[in-house]
Amino acid sequence: MADDGGITAQRIRIGLTGLAFAFLLVLLGSVISRSRREAPGGATAAEANDAQPNEPLAELGVAPGGAEDAANASSSNGQ
């Protein structure tokens, strides 16, 4: 029973080592994932998203509201 303290300390040490290993593994995976998200030419994913239009439906003319809808409403009222 005198060795119980030594065994407990060893188990804690092994557990903390495993926890540190898991943390480093997740950190490494995050770094690799972020490096793959970069767009060609050094642009990051956030910069690539900013380059895309903010309202693609409005650019296609299918979004509700806008000048075309007002023109259609006024022409249909006149008939």
N, C-alpha and C. Protein backbone atom coordinates (compact mmCIF):
# COMPACT_ATOMS: atom_id res chain seq x y z
N MET A 1 0.81 -1.19 0.00
CA MET A 1 0.00 0.00 0.00
C MET A 1 0.85 1.26 0.00
N ALA A 2 2.12 1.15 0.28
CA ALA A 2 3.00 2.32 0.31
C ALA A 2 3.27 2.83 -1.10
N ASP A 3 3.15 1.96 -2.10
CA ASP A 3 3.42 2.34 -3.48
C ASP A 3 2.20 2.96 -4.18
N ASP A 4 1.09 3.06 -3.51
CA ASP A 4 -0.10 3.62 -4.15
C ASP A 4 0.12 5.06 -4.59
N GLY A 5 0.87 5.82 -3.82
CA GLY A 5 1.15 7.20 -4.20
C GLY A 5 1.99 7.27 -5.46
N GLY A 6 2.94 6.36 -5.60
CA GLY A 6 3.78 6.32 -6.80
C GLY A 6 2.99 5.91 -8.03
N ILE A 7 2.10 4.95 -7.86
CA ILE A 7 1.27 4.50 -8.98
C ILE A 7 0.31 5.61 -9.41
N THR A 8 -0.25 6.30 -8.44
CA THR A 8 -1.17 7.39 -8.76
C THR A 8 -0.45 8.50 -9.51
N ALA A 9 0.75 8.85 -9.05
CA ALA A 9 1.52 9.90 -9.73
C ALA A 9 1.88 9.47 -11.15
N GLN A 10 2.20 8.18 -11.33
CA GLN A 10 2.53 7.69 -12.66
C GLN A 10 1.31 7.76 -13.58
N ARG A 11 0.15 7.40 -13.06
CA ARG A 11 -1.06 7.46 -13.87
C ARG A 11 -1.40 8.89 -14.26
N ILE A 12 -1.22 9.82 -13.33
CA ILE A 12 -1.47 11.23 -13.63
C ILE A 12 -0.50 11.72 -14.69
N ARG A 13 0.76 11.33 -14.57
CA ARG A 13 1.77 11.74 -15.54
C ARG A 13 1.44 11.20 -16.93
N ILE A 14 1.03 9.95 -17.00
CA ILE A 14 0.67 9.34 -18.29
C ILE A 14 -0.57 10.03 -18.88
N GLY A 15 -1.54 10.31 -18.03
CA GLY A 15 -2.75 10.98 -18.50
C GLY A 15 -2.46 12.37 -19.03
N LEU A 16 -1.63 13.13 -18.34
CA LEU A 16 -1.28 14.47 -18.80
C LEU A 16 -0.45 14.43 -20.08
N THR A 17 0.40 13.42 -20.20
CA THR A 17 1.18 13.26 -21.43
C THR A 17 0.25 12.96 -22.61
N GLY A 18 -0.73 12.10 -22.41
CA GLY A 18 -1.70 11.80 -23.46
C GLY A 18 -2.54 13.01 -23.83
N LEU A 19 -2.91 13.79 -22.83
CA LEU A 19 -3.68 15.00 -23.08
C LEU A 19 -2.87 16.01 -23.88
N ALA A 20 -1.60 16.17 -23.53
CA ALA A 20 -0.73 17.08 -24.27
C ALA A 20 -0.53 16.59 -25.70
N PHE A 21 -0.41 15.29 -25.90
CA PHE A 21 -0.25 14.73 -27.24
C PHE A 21 -1.50 14.99 -28.08
N ALA A 22 -2.68 14.80 -27.49
CA ALA A 22 -3.92 15.05 -28.22
C ALA A 22 -4.05 16.53 -28.59
N PHE A 23 -3.66 17.41 -27.67
CA PHE A 23 -3.71 18.84 -27.94
C PHE A 23 -2.80 19.21 -29.10
N LEU A 24 -1.58 18.69 -29.10
CA LEU A 24 -0.64 18.97 -30.19
C LEU A 24 -1.12 18.40 -31.51
N LEU A 25 -1.77 17.26 -31.48
CA LEU A 25 -2.29 16.65 -32.69
C LEU A 25 -3.41 17.51 -33.29
N VAL A 26 -4.31 18.01 -32.46
CA VAL A 26 -5.38 18.88 -32.94
C VAL A 26 -4.81 20.19 -33.46
N LEU A 27 -3.81 20.72 -32.77
CA LEU A 27 -3.18 21.97 -33.21
C LEU A 27 -2.51 21.78 -34.58
N LEU A 28 -1.83 20.69 -34.78
CA LEU A 28 -1.19 20.40 -36.06
C LEU A 28 -2.24 20.26 -37.16
N GLY A 29 -3.33 19.57 -36.87
CA GLY A 29 -4.40 19.43 -37.86
C GLY A 29 -5.01 20.77 -38.23
N SER A 30 -5.14 21.65 -37.27
CA SER A 30 -5.69 22.98 -37.53
C SER A 30 -4.76 23.78 -38.43
N VAL A 31 -3.47 23.69 -38.19
CA VAL A 31 -2.50 24.42 -39.01
C VAL A 31 -2.52 23.90 -40.44
N ILE A 32 -2.59 22.59 -40.61
CA ILE A 32 -2.63 22.01 -41.94
C ILE A 32 -3.92 22.39 -42.65
N SER A 33 -5.02 22.38 -41.93
CA SER A 33 -6.32 22.74 -42.52
C SER A 33 -6.33 24.19 -42.98
N ARG A 34 -5.78 25.07 -42.19
CA ARG A 34 -5.76 26.49 -42.56
C ARG A 34 -4.86 26.73 -43.77
N SER A 35 -3.77 26.00 -43.87
CA SER A 35 -2.87 26.21 -45.01
C SER A 35 -3.51 25.74 -46.30
N ARG A 36 -4.37 24.74 -46.24
CA ARG A 36 -5.05 24.25 -47.44
C ARG A 36 -6.18 25.17 -47.86
N ARG A 37 -6.72 25.97 -46.96
CA ARG A 37 -7.83 26.87 -47.28
C ARG A 37 -7.37 28.10 -48.05
N GLU A 38 -6.10 28.37 -48.09
CA GLU A 38 -5.62 29.56 -48.79
C GLU A 38 -5.89 29.43 -50.28
N ALA A 39 -6.34 30.51 -50.86
CA ALA A 39 -6.61 30.53 -52.30
C ALA A 39 -5.29 30.72 -53.04
N PRO A 40 -5.23 30.38 -54.32
CA PRO A 40 -4.00 30.60 -55.08
C PRO A 40 -3.64 32.08 -55.12
N GLY A 41 -2.37 32.35 -55.08
CA GLY A 41 -1.91 33.73 -55.11
C GLY A 41 -1.78 34.34 -53.73
N GLY A 42 -1.90 33.53 -52.69
CA GLY A 42 -1.71 34.02 -51.34
C GLY A 42 -2.94 34.62 -50.69
N ALA A 43 -4.07 34.65 -51.36
CA ALA A 43 -5.29 35.20 -50.77
C ALA A 43 -5.89 34.17 -49.82
N THR A 44 -6.38 34.62 -48.69
CA THR A 44 -6.97 33.70 -47.72
C THR A 44 -8.42 33.45 -48.10
N ALA A 45 -9.05 32.52 -47.41
CA ALA A 45 -10.44 32.18 -47.69
C ALA A 45 -11.36 33.36 -47.40
N ALA A 46 -11.07 34.14 -46.38
CA ALA A 46 -11.92 35.30 -46.06
C ALA A 46 -11.85 36.34 -47.17
N GLU A 47 -10.67 36.55 -47.72
CA GLU A 47 -10.54 37.51 -48.81
C GLU A 47 -11.24 37.00 -50.07
N ALA A 48 -11.21 35.71 -50.30
CA ALA A 48 -11.89 35.13 -51.46
C ALA A 48 -13.40 35.27 -51.31
N ASN A 49 -13.92 35.13 -50.09
CA ASN A 49 -15.36 35.29 -49.87
C ASN A 49 -15.79 36.74 -50.05
N ASP A 50 -14.93 37.69 -49.69
CA ASP A 50 -15.25 39.09 -49.85
C ASP A 50 -15.33 39.47 -51.33
N ALA A 51 -14.61 38.77 -52.18
CA ALA A 51 -14.61 39.08 -53.61
C ALA A 51 -15.90 38.63 -54.28
N GLN A 52 -16.60 37.67 -53.66
CA GLN A 52 -17.85 37.19 -54.23
C GLN A 52 -18.95 38.20 -53.97
N PRO A 53 -19.96 38.24 -54.82
CA PRO A 53 -21.05 39.21 -54.62
C PRO A 53 -21.81 38.92 -53.34
N ASN A 54 -22.27 39.98 -52.70
CA ASN A 54 -22.98 39.83 -51.45
C ASN A 54 -24.42 39.40 -51.66
N GLU A 55 -25.02 39.76 -52.77
CA GLU A 55 -26.40 39.41 -53.05
C GLU A 55 -26.51 38.79 -54.45
N PRO A 56 -26.20 37.51 -54.58
CA PRO A 56 -26.22 36.90 -55.91
C PRO A 56 -27.62 36.84 -56.51
N LEU A 57 -28.68 36.71 -55.69
CA LEU A 57 -30.02 36.67 -56.24
C LEU A 57 -30.42 38.02 -56.82
N ALA A 58 -29.97 39.10 -56.18
CA ALA A 58 -30.28 40.43 -56.70
C ALA A 58 -29.56 40.67 -58.02
N GLU A 59 -28.36 40.14 -58.16
CA GLU A 59 -27.64 40.30 -59.42
C GLU A 59 -28.30 39.52 -60.55
N LEU A 60 -28.96 38.41 -60.22
CA LEU A 60 -29.66 37.63 -61.22
C LEU A 60 -31.04 38.21 -61.53
N GLY A 61 -31.51 39.12 -60.68
CA GLY A 61 -32.80 39.74 -60.90
C GLY A 61 -33.96 38.94 -60.35
N VAL A 62 -33.69 38.00 -59.46
CA VAL A 62 -34.76 37.18 -58.92
C VAL A 62 -35.06 37.50 -57.46
N ALA A 63 -34.37 38.47 -56.89
CA ALA A 63 -34.60 38.83 -55.51
C ALA A 63 -35.85 39.70 -55.40
N PRO A 64 -36.63 39.55 -54.34
CA PRO A 64 -37.81 40.39 -54.19
C PRO A 64 -37.43 41.84 -53.95
N GLY A 65 -38.27 42.75 -54.41
CA GLY A 65 -37.99 44.17 -54.25
C GLY A 65 -37.09 44.67 -55.36
N GLY A 66 -36.98 45.96 -55.50
CA GLY A 66 -36.09 46.54 -56.49
C GLY A 66 -36.85 47.30 -57.56
N ALA A 67 -36.12 47.87 -58.49
CA ALA A 67 -36.69 48.73 -59.52
C ALA A 67 -37.53 47.95 -60.52
N GLU A 68 -37.13 46.75 -60.89
CA GLU A 68 -37.88 45.98 -61.88
C GLU A 68 -39.25 45.58 -61.34
N ASP A 69 -39.33 45.25 -60.06
CA ASP A 69 -40.62 44.89 -59.48
C ASP A 69 -41.56 46.10 -59.45
N ALA A 70 -41.01 47.26 -59.15
CA ALA A 70 -41.84 48.47 -59.13
C ALA A 70 -42.35 48.78 -60.53
N ALA A 71 -41.53 48.58 -61.55
CA ALA A 71 -41.95 48.83 -62.93
C ALA A 71 -43.02 47.83 -63.35
N ASN A 72 -42.88 46.59 -62.95
CA ASN A 72 -43.88 45.58 -63.27
C ASN A 72 -45.20 45.86 -62.58
N ALA A 73 -45.14 46.33 -61.37
CA ALA A 73 -46.36 46.62 -60.62
C ALA A 73 -47.11 47.79 -61.24
N SER A 74 -46.39 48.81 -61.68
CA SER A 74 -47.06 49.97 -62.27
C SER A 74 -47.62 49.63 -63.64
N SER A 75 -46.99 48.77 -64.41
CA SER A 75 -47.52 48.40 -65.72
C SER A 75 -48.71 47.49 -65.60
N SER A 76 -48.76 46.64 -64.57
CA SER A 76 -49.91 45.76 -64.40
C SER A 76 -51.11 46.51 -63.86
N ASN A 77 -50.90 47.61 -63.13
CA ASN A 77 -52.00 48.43 -62.64
C ASN A 77 -52.66 49.20 -63.76
N GLY A 78 -51.92 49.53 -64.81
CA GLY A 78 -52.44 50.30 -65.91
C GLY A 78 -53.31 49.47 -66.83
N GLN A 79 -53.25 48.17 -66.79
CA GLN A 79 -54.01 47.32 -67.72
C GLN A 79 -55.41 47.10 -67.29
